[in-house]
N, C-alpha and C. Protein backbone atom coordinates (compact mmCIF):
# COMPACT_ATOMS: atom_id res chain seq x y z
N MET A 1 171.81 147.88 89.48
CA MET A 1 170.80 147.20 88.74
C MET A 1 171.42 146.05 87.94
N ARG A 2 170.70 144.99 87.89
CA ARG A 2 171.16 143.78 87.20
C ARG A 2 170.88 143.87 85.72
N PRO A 3 171.81 143.42 84.91
CA PRO A 3 171.53 143.44 83.48
C PRO A 3 170.48 142.42 83.12
N SER A 4 169.67 142.75 82.19
CA SER A 4 168.60 141.84 81.75
C SER A 4 169.20 140.68 80.96
N PRO A 5 168.65 139.46 81.07
CA PRO A 5 169.21 138.33 80.34
C PRO A 5 169.09 138.53 78.84
N CYS A 6 168.16 139.32 78.39
CA CYS A 6 167.98 139.55 76.96
C CYS A 6 169.08 140.43 76.40
N SER A 7 169.66 141.23 77.24
CA SER A 7 170.66 142.15 76.74
C SER A 7 172.02 141.49 76.63
N GLU A 8 172.19 140.32 77.24
CA GLU A 8 173.48 139.64 77.16
C GLU A 8 173.62 138.98 75.81
N ARG A 9 174.79 139.04 75.26
CA ARG A 9 175.07 138.41 73.98
C ARG A 9 176.14 137.35 74.17
N GLU A 10 176.07 136.34 73.28
CA GLU A 10 177.09 135.29 73.34
C GLU A 10 178.37 135.85 72.74
N PRO A 11 179.47 135.44 73.30
CA PRO A 11 180.74 135.86 72.71
C PRO A 11 180.87 135.33 71.29
N GLU A 12 181.57 136.03 70.43
CA GLU A 12 181.71 135.67 69.03
C GLU A 12 182.50 134.38 68.85
N ASN A 13 183.41 134.10 69.74
CA ASN A 13 184.26 132.93 69.58
C ASN A 13 183.66 131.66 70.18
N ARG A 14 182.51 131.75 70.76
CA ARG A 14 181.87 130.59 71.38
C ARG A 14 181.18 129.75 70.30
N VAL A 15 181.39 128.45 70.32
CA VAL A 15 180.77 127.54 69.36
C VAL A 15 179.47 127.03 69.95
N ARG A 16 178.41 127.16 69.16
CA ARG A 16 177.11 126.68 69.65
C ARG A 16 177.00 125.20 69.36
N ARG A 17 176.35 124.48 70.26
CA ARG A 17 176.18 123.04 70.08
C ARG A 17 175.22 122.78 68.93
N GLY A 18 175.52 121.76 68.13
CA GLY A 18 174.62 121.36 67.07
C GLY A 18 174.92 121.96 65.72
N ASP A 19 175.82 122.93 65.63
CA ASP A 19 176.13 123.54 64.34
C ASP A 19 176.78 122.56 63.38
N ASP A 20 177.54 121.60 63.90
CA ASP A 20 178.22 120.65 63.02
C ASP A 20 177.26 119.58 62.49
N GLU A 21 176.04 119.51 62.97
CA GLU A 21 175.06 118.53 62.52
C GLU A 21 173.89 119.18 61.78
N ALA A 22 174.08 120.35 61.29
CA ALA A 22 173.01 121.05 60.58
C ALA A 22 172.61 120.27 59.34
N GLY A 23 171.33 120.01 59.18
CA GLY A 23 170.82 119.30 58.01
C GLY A 23 170.76 117.79 58.16
N GLN A 24 171.24 117.24 59.25
CA GLN A 24 171.24 115.79 59.45
C GLN A 24 169.82 115.25 59.57
N VAL A 25 168.96 115.96 60.23
CA VAL A 25 167.58 115.50 60.38
C VAL A 25 166.88 115.49 59.03
N THR A 26 167.13 116.47 58.20
CA THR A 26 166.52 116.53 56.88
C THR A 26 166.92 115.33 56.03
N ALA A 27 168.20 114.97 56.03
CA ALA A 27 168.66 113.82 55.26
C ALA A 27 168.03 112.54 55.78
N PHE A 28 167.94 112.40 57.09
CA PHE A 28 167.31 111.21 57.68
C PHE A 28 165.85 111.11 57.26
N VAL A 29 165.13 112.20 57.31
CA VAL A 29 163.72 112.19 56.95
C VAL A 29 163.53 111.83 55.48
N VAL A 30 164.37 112.37 54.61
CA VAL A 30 164.27 112.06 53.18
C VAL A 30 164.51 110.57 52.93
N ILE A 31 165.55 110.03 53.54
CA ILE A 31 165.86 108.60 53.36
C ILE A 31 164.75 107.75 53.96
N PHE A 32 164.26 108.11 55.12
CA PHE A 32 163.19 107.35 55.76
C PHE A 32 161.92 107.35 54.91
N LEU A 33 161.56 108.50 54.38
CA LEU A 33 160.35 108.58 53.55
C LEU A 33 160.51 107.80 52.24
N ALA A 34 161.70 107.82 51.66
CA ALA A 34 161.95 107.04 50.45
C ALA A 34 161.82 105.55 50.74
N ALA A 35 162.36 105.10 51.86
CA ALA A 35 162.25 103.69 52.24
C ALA A 35 160.80 103.32 52.53
N LEU A 36 160.08 104.20 53.18
CA LEU A 36 158.67 103.95 53.48
C LEU A 36 157.84 103.87 52.19
N PHE A 37 158.13 104.75 51.26
CA PHE A 37 157.44 104.74 49.97
C PHE A 37 157.73 103.45 49.20
N ALA A 38 159.00 103.03 49.20
CA ALA A 38 159.37 101.78 48.51
C ALA A 38 158.67 100.59 49.15
N PHE A 39 158.61 100.55 50.46
CA PHE A 39 157.93 99.45 51.15
C PHE A 39 156.44 99.45 50.83
N ALA A 40 155.81 100.60 50.81
CA ALA A 40 154.39 100.69 50.45
C ALA A 40 154.16 100.22 49.02
N GLY A 41 155.07 100.57 48.12
CA GLY A 41 154.98 100.11 46.74
C GLY A 41 155.08 98.60 46.63
N LEU A 42 156.01 98.02 47.39
CA LEU A 42 156.15 96.56 47.37
C LEU A 42 154.89 95.88 47.92
N VAL A 43 154.32 96.42 48.96
CA VAL A 43 153.12 95.83 49.54
C VAL A 43 151.94 95.93 48.57
N LEU A 44 151.68 97.12 48.07
CA LEU A 44 150.53 97.32 47.18
C LEU A 44 150.70 96.57 45.87
N ASP A 45 151.80 96.81 45.19
CA ASP A 45 152.00 96.19 43.88
C ASP A 45 152.28 94.70 44.00
N GLY A 46 152.89 94.28 45.10
CA GLY A 46 153.07 92.85 45.34
C GLY A 46 151.74 92.15 45.51
N GLY A 47 150.82 92.77 46.21
CA GLY A 47 149.48 92.20 46.37
C GLY A 47 148.73 92.12 45.05
N LEU A 48 148.86 93.17 44.25
CA LEU A 48 148.21 93.15 42.93
C LEU A 48 148.80 92.08 42.03
N THR A 49 150.11 91.87 42.14
CA THR A 49 150.78 90.84 41.34
C THR A 49 150.35 89.45 41.78
N LEU A 50 150.22 89.23 43.08
CA LEU A 50 149.73 87.93 43.56
C LEU A 50 148.30 87.68 43.11
N ALA A 51 147.47 88.70 43.11
CA ALA A 51 146.09 88.55 42.64
C ALA A 51 146.07 88.21 41.14
N ALA A 52 146.97 88.82 40.37
CA ALA A 52 147.06 88.51 38.95
C ALA A 52 147.53 87.07 38.73
N GLN A 53 148.42 86.59 39.59
CA GLN A 53 148.89 85.20 39.51
C GLN A 53 147.74 84.23 39.75
N VAL A 54 146.93 84.51 40.76
CA VAL A 54 145.77 83.66 41.05
C VAL A 54 144.79 83.69 39.89
N GLN A 55 144.57 84.86 39.31
CA GLN A 55 143.68 84.98 38.16
C GLN A 55 144.19 84.15 36.98
N ALA A 56 145.49 84.21 36.72
CA ALA A 56 146.07 83.45 35.61
C ALA A 56 145.90 81.95 35.82
N ILE A 57 146.14 81.48 37.04
CA ILE A 57 145.99 80.06 37.34
C ILE A 57 144.54 79.63 37.21
N ASP A 58 143.62 80.43 37.75
CA ASP A 58 142.19 80.09 37.66
C ASP A 58 141.72 80.00 36.22
N GLU A 59 142.11 80.97 35.41
CA GLU A 59 141.68 80.96 34.01
C GLU A 59 142.30 79.79 33.25
N ALA A 60 143.55 79.46 33.54
CA ALA A 60 144.21 78.34 32.87
C ALA A 60 143.56 77.02 33.25
N GLN A 61 143.23 76.85 34.52
CA GLN A 61 142.60 75.61 34.96
C GLN A 61 141.21 75.45 34.35
N ALA A 62 140.45 76.52 34.34
CA ALA A 62 139.10 76.45 33.77
C ALA A 62 139.14 76.19 32.26
N ALA A 63 140.07 76.80 31.57
CA ALA A 63 140.21 76.57 30.13
C ALA A 63 140.64 75.14 29.85
N ALA A 64 141.53 74.60 30.68
CA ALA A 64 141.97 73.21 30.51
C ALA A 64 140.80 72.25 30.73
N ARG A 65 139.96 72.53 31.72
CA ARG A 65 138.77 71.68 31.94
C ARG A 65 137.82 71.76 30.76
N ALA A 66 137.65 72.96 30.21
CA ALA A 66 136.78 73.11 29.04
C ALA A 66 137.33 72.32 27.86
N GLY A 67 138.63 72.36 27.69
CA GLY A 67 139.24 71.62 26.59
C GLY A 67 139.18 70.12 26.79
N ALA A 68 139.33 69.66 28.02
CA ALA A 68 139.32 68.22 28.30
C ALA A 68 137.95 67.60 28.11
N GLN A 69 136.92 68.40 28.02
CA GLN A 69 135.58 67.89 27.79
C GLN A 69 135.31 67.60 26.32
N ALA A 70 136.26 67.91 25.45
CA ALA A 70 136.08 67.71 24.01
C ALA A 70 136.36 66.25 23.67
N LEU A 71 135.37 65.44 23.83
CA LEU A 71 135.46 64.00 23.59
C LEU A 71 135.41 63.71 22.09
N ASP A 72 136.27 62.83 21.62
CA ASP A 72 136.24 62.38 20.23
C ASP A 72 135.13 61.35 20.13
N THR A 73 133.94 61.80 19.76
CA THR A 73 132.76 60.93 19.78
C THR A 73 132.84 59.82 18.74
N THR A 74 133.52 60.06 17.63
CA THR A 74 133.64 59.02 16.60
C THR A 74 134.42 57.82 17.14
N THR A 75 135.54 58.09 17.78
CA THR A 75 136.35 57.01 18.37
C THR A 75 135.60 56.33 19.50
N TYR A 76 134.92 57.11 20.31
CA TYR A 76 134.18 56.54 21.44
C TYR A 76 133.07 55.60 20.96
N ARG A 77 132.33 56.01 19.93
CA ARG A 77 131.24 55.16 19.42
C ARG A 77 131.78 53.91 18.74
N ALA A 78 132.93 54.03 18.08
CA ALA A 78 133.47 52.88 17.36
C ALA A 78 134.15 51.88 18.28
N THR A 79 134.89 52.38 19.28
CA THR A 79 135.69 51.47 20.11
C THR A 79 135.33 51.49 21.59
N GLY A 80 134.59 52.49 22.03
CA GLY A 80 134.28 52.62 23.45
C GLY A 80 135.43 53.22 24.24
N THR A 81 136.45 53.69 23.57
CA THR A 81 137.61 54.30 24.22
C THR A 81 137.40 55.80 24.33
N VAL A 82 137.71 56.31 25.52
CA VAL A 82 137.57 57.74 25.77
C VAL A 82 138.85 58.44 25.33
N VAL A 83 138.73 59.31 24.32
CA VAL A 83 139.88 60.02 23.75
C VAL A 83 139.49 61.48 23.53
N VAL A 84 140.44 62.36 23.81
CA VAL A 84 140.22 63.79 23.55
C VAL A 84 140.42 64.06 22.07
N ASP A 85 139.52 64.86 21.51
CA ASP A 85 139.67 65.35 20.13
C ASP A 85 140.57 66.58 20.22
N PRO A 86 141.84 66.49 19.77
CA PRO A 86 142.78 67.61 19.97
C PRO A 86 142.31 68.93 19.37
N ALA A 87 141.79 68.90 18.16
CA ALA A 87 141.36 70.16 17.53
C ALA A 87 140.19 70.78 18.29
N ALA A 88 139.25 69.95 18.69
CA ALA A 88 138.09 70.46 19.45
C ALA A 88 138.52 70.94 20.83
N ALA A 89 139.48 70.26 21.44
CA ALA A 89 139.95 70.66 22.77
C ALA A 89 140.63 72.03 22.71
N ILE A 90 141.47 72.20 21.71
CA ILE A 90 142.15 73.50 21.56
C ILE A 90 141.13 74.60 21.29
N ALA A 91 140.15 74.30 20.43
CA ALA A 91 139.12 75.30 20.12
C ALA A 91 138.29 75.64 21.35
N ALA A 92 137.95 74.64 22.16
CA ALA A 92 137.14 74.89 23.37
C ALA A 92 137.93 75.70 24.40
N ALA A 93 139.20 75.37 24.59
CA ALA A 93 140.02 76.11 25.54
C ALA A 93 140.23 77.55 25.08
N ASP A 94 140.50 77.72 23.78
CA ASP A 94 140.67 79.08 23.24
C ASP A 94 139.38 79.89 23.36
N ALA A 95 138.24 79.24 23.13
CA ALA A 95 136.95 79.94 23.25
C ALA A 95 136.72 80.38 24.69
N TYR A 96 137.07 79.52 25.65
CA TYR A 96 136.91 79.90 27.05
C TYR A 96 137.79 81.10 27.38
N LEU A 97 139.04 81.04 26.95
CA LEU A 97 139.96 82.15 27.23
C LEU A 97 139.49 83.44 26.58
N ALA A 98 138.97 83.35 25.36
CA ALA A 98 138.47 84.55 24.68
C ALA A 98 137.29 85.14 25.43
N ALA A 99 136.40 84.28 25.93
CA ALA A 99 135.24 84.76 26.70
C ALA A 99 135.68 85.40 28.01
N ALA A 100 136.79 84.92 28.57
CA ALA A 100 137.31 85.47 29.82
C ALA A 100 138.16 86.72 29.59
N GLY A 101 138.42 87.02 28.32
CA GLY A 101 139.23 88.20 28.01
C GLY A 101 140.72 87.95 28.11
N SER A 102 141.13 86.71 27.99
CA SER A 102 142.55 86.37 28.09
C SER A 102 142.99 85.63 26.85
N SER A 103 144.26 85.35 26.80
CA SER A 103 144.80 84.51 25.73
C SER A 103 145.86 83.62 26.37
N GLY A 104 146.15 82.53 25.68
CA GLY A 104 147.13 81.61 26.23
C GLY A 104 147.52 80.56 25.22
N GLN A 105 148.39 79.66 25.67
CA GLN A 105 148.84 78.56 24.82
C GLN A 105 148.16 77.29 25.30
N VAL A 106 147.64 76.53 24.33
CA VAL A 106 146.94 75.29 24.63
C VAL A 106 147.67 74.16 23.94
N SER A 107 147.91 73.07 24.68
CA SER A 107 148.51 71.89 24.07
C SER A 107 147.75 70.66 24.54
N VAL A 108 147.70 69.67 23.66
CA VAL A 108 147.01 68.41 23.96
C VAL A 108 148.02 67.28 23.77
N ALA A 109 148.14 66.45 24.79
CA ALA A 109 149.01 65.28 24.73
C ALA A 109 148.21 64.09 25.26
N GLY A 110 147.77 63.25 24.36
CA GLY A 110 146.93 62.12 24.77
C GLY A 110 145.59 62.65 25.26
N ASN A 111 145.23 62.29 26.48
CA ASN A 111 143.98 62.77 27.08
C ASN A 111 144.19 63.93 28.04
N GLN A 112 145.36 64.54 27.96
CA GLN A 112 145.68 65.64 28.86
C GLN A 112 145.75 66.96 28.10
N VAL A 113 145.04 67.95 28.63
CA VAL A 113 145.03 69.29 28.03
C VAL A 113 145.76 70.22 29.00
N THR A 114 146.75 70.94 28.48
CA THR A 114 147.53 71.88 29.28
C THR A 114 147.34 73.28 28.71
N VAL A 115 147.02 74.21 29.58
CA VAL A 115 146.80 75.61 29.17
C VAL A 115 147.72 76.49 30.02
N THR A 116 148.42 77.39 29.35
CA THR A 116 149.28 78.36 30.02
C THR A 116 148.78 79.76 29.68
N VAL A 117 148.53 80.55 30.72
CA VAL A 117 148.01 81.91 30.56
C VAL A 117 149.00 82.87 31.17
N GLN A 118 149.27 83.97 30.48
CA GLN A 118 150.10 85.04 31.01
C GLN A 118 149.24 86.27 31.25
N VAL A 119 149.39 86.86 32.42
CA VAL A 119 148.67 88.08 32.76
C VAL A 119 149.71 89.15 33.09
N THR A 120 149.58 90.31 32.48
CA THR A 120 150.48 91.43 32.74
C THR A 120 149.79 92.39 33.69
N GLN A 121 150.42 92.62 34.83
CA GLN A 121 149.87 93.50 35.85
C GLN A 121 150.62 94.82 35.83
N ARG A 122 149.91 95.91 35.66
CA ARG A 122 150.51 97.25 35.68
C ARG A 122 150.75 97.66 37.13
N MET A 123 151.91 98.23 37.39
CA MET A 123 152.28 98.65 38.74
C MET A 123 151.67 100.02 39.05
N GLN A 124 151.28 100.21 40.29
CA GLN A 124 150.67 101.47 40.72
C GLN A 124 151.71 102.42 41.31
N LEU A 125 152.40 101.98 42.34
CA LEU A 125 153.40 102.85 42.98
C LEU A 125 154.80 102.62 42.43
N LEU A 126 155.13 101.37 42.15
CA LEU A 126 156.48 101.09 41.65
C LEU A 126 156.68 101.64 40.24
N ASP A 127 155.60 102.02 39.57
CA ASP A 127 155.70 102.65 38.26
C ASP A 127 156.48 103.97 38.36
N LEU A 128 156.41 104.60 39.50
CA LEU A 128 157.10 105.88 39.70
C LEU A 128 158.61 105.72 39.80
N VAL A 129 159.08 104.50 40.09
CA VAL A 129 160.52 104.27 40.18
C VAL A 129 161.04 103.42 39.02
N GLY A 130 160.22 103.29 37.97
CA GLY A 130 160.68 102.64 36.76
C GLY A 130 160.23 101.22 36.54
N ILE A 131 159.53 100.62 37.50
CA ILE A 131 159.00 99.26 37.30
C ILE A 131 157.56 99.43 36.83
N ASN A 132 157.36 99.31 35.51
CA ASN A 132 156.06 99.63 34.93
C ASN A 132 155.05 98.49 35.05
N GLN A 133 155.51 97.26 34.85
CA GLN A 133 154.58 96.14 34.86
C GLN A 133 155.32 94.85 35.16
N LEU A 134 154.56 93.86 35.62
CA LEU A 134 155.10 92.53 35.83
C LEU A 134 154.18 91.54 35.13
N THR A 135 154.76 90.51 34.54
CA THR A 135 153.98 89.48 33.87
C THR A 135 154.08 88.20 34.68
N VAL A 136 152.92 87.63 34.99
CA VAL A 136 152.87 86.38 35.74
C VAL A 136 152.24 85.31 34.86
N THR A 137 152.57 84.06 35.16
CA THR A 137 152.11 82.94 34.35
C THR A 137 151.37 81.95 35.23
N GLY A 138 150.27 81.43 34.69
CA GLY A 138 149.52 80.39 35.36
C GLY A 138 149.30 79.22 34.42
N THR A 139 149.42 78.02 34.94
CA THR A 139 149.25 76.83 34.12
C THR A 139 148.19 75.94 34.73
N GLY A 140 147.34 75.40 33.86
CA GLY A 140 146.30 74.47 34.30
C GLY A 140 146.35 73.21 33.45
N VAL A 141 146.14 72.07 34.10
CA VAL A 141 146.17 70.78 33.42
C VAL A 141 144.90 70.03 33.77
N ALA A 142 144.26 69.47 32.75
CA ALA A 142 143.07 68.64 32.98
C ALA A 142 143.20 67.39 32.11
N ARG A 143 142.69 66.29 32.63
CA ARG A 143 142.77 65.03 31.91
C ARG A 143 141.38 64.43 31.80
N LEU A 144 141.05 63.97 30.61
CA LEU A 144 139.76 63.32 30.37
C LEU A 144 139.81 61.92 30.95
N GLU A 145 138.87 61.63 31.82
CA GLU A 145 138.78 60.30 32.45
C GLU A 145 137.36 59.77 32.28
N ARG A 146 137.27 58.47 32.25
CA ARG A 146 135.96 57.82 32.17
C ARG A 146 135.58 57.32 33.54
N GLY A 147 134.48 57.84 34.08
CA GLY A 147 133.99 57.39 35.37
C GLY A 147 134.91 57.76 36.52
N VAL A 148 134.61 57.19 37.67
CA VAL A 148 135.39 57.42 38.86
C VAL A 148 136.36 56.27 39.03
N LEU A 149 137.65 56.58 39.12
CA LEU A 149 138.67 55.54 39.24
C LEU A 149 138.90 55.12 40.68
N VAL A 150 138.91 56.09 41.57
CA VAL A 150 139.17 55.84 42.98
C VAL A 150 138.21 56.65 43.81
N ALA A 151 137.78 56.10 44.92
CA ALA A 151 136.89 56.84 45.80
C ALA A 151 137.63 58.03 46.36
N GLY A 152 137.00 59.19 46.28
CA GLY A 152 137.62 60.43 46.74
C GLY A 152 137.42 60.66 48.21
N PRO A 153 138.07 61.66 48.76
CA PRO A 153 137.93 61.98 50.20
C PRO A 153 136.59 62.54 50.52
């Protein structure tokens, strides 16, 4: 009678293949998942940061336009010269930013109003690895002009 294959045992001194690589798959999976998680964090939080950048630029540009509309009517009536009233321009830009729920720095130089807005974006996934937030800056510039200077496209 033939011995059953189940009854045969491997010799004690025989080395089984793969014993020297025990745990290698586990380490690979852990590293792969960590890299995948980091990449997902960069994609998600990077997109949120870009959206915050666009928001900062939009709010700064709109606030600068609001400020540039602050015409110094006294000078205009007396001389016919179009000049920005700096105090009114700063107040108008600040009022726009307050209504939008933001804050920023407003400066007036001649007929040009410059507004800089900072938006802080909280991280969603990268917060778990210690990157809590990123701050982005947007700048808008508007200039008070009289009439149309050049035909547009």
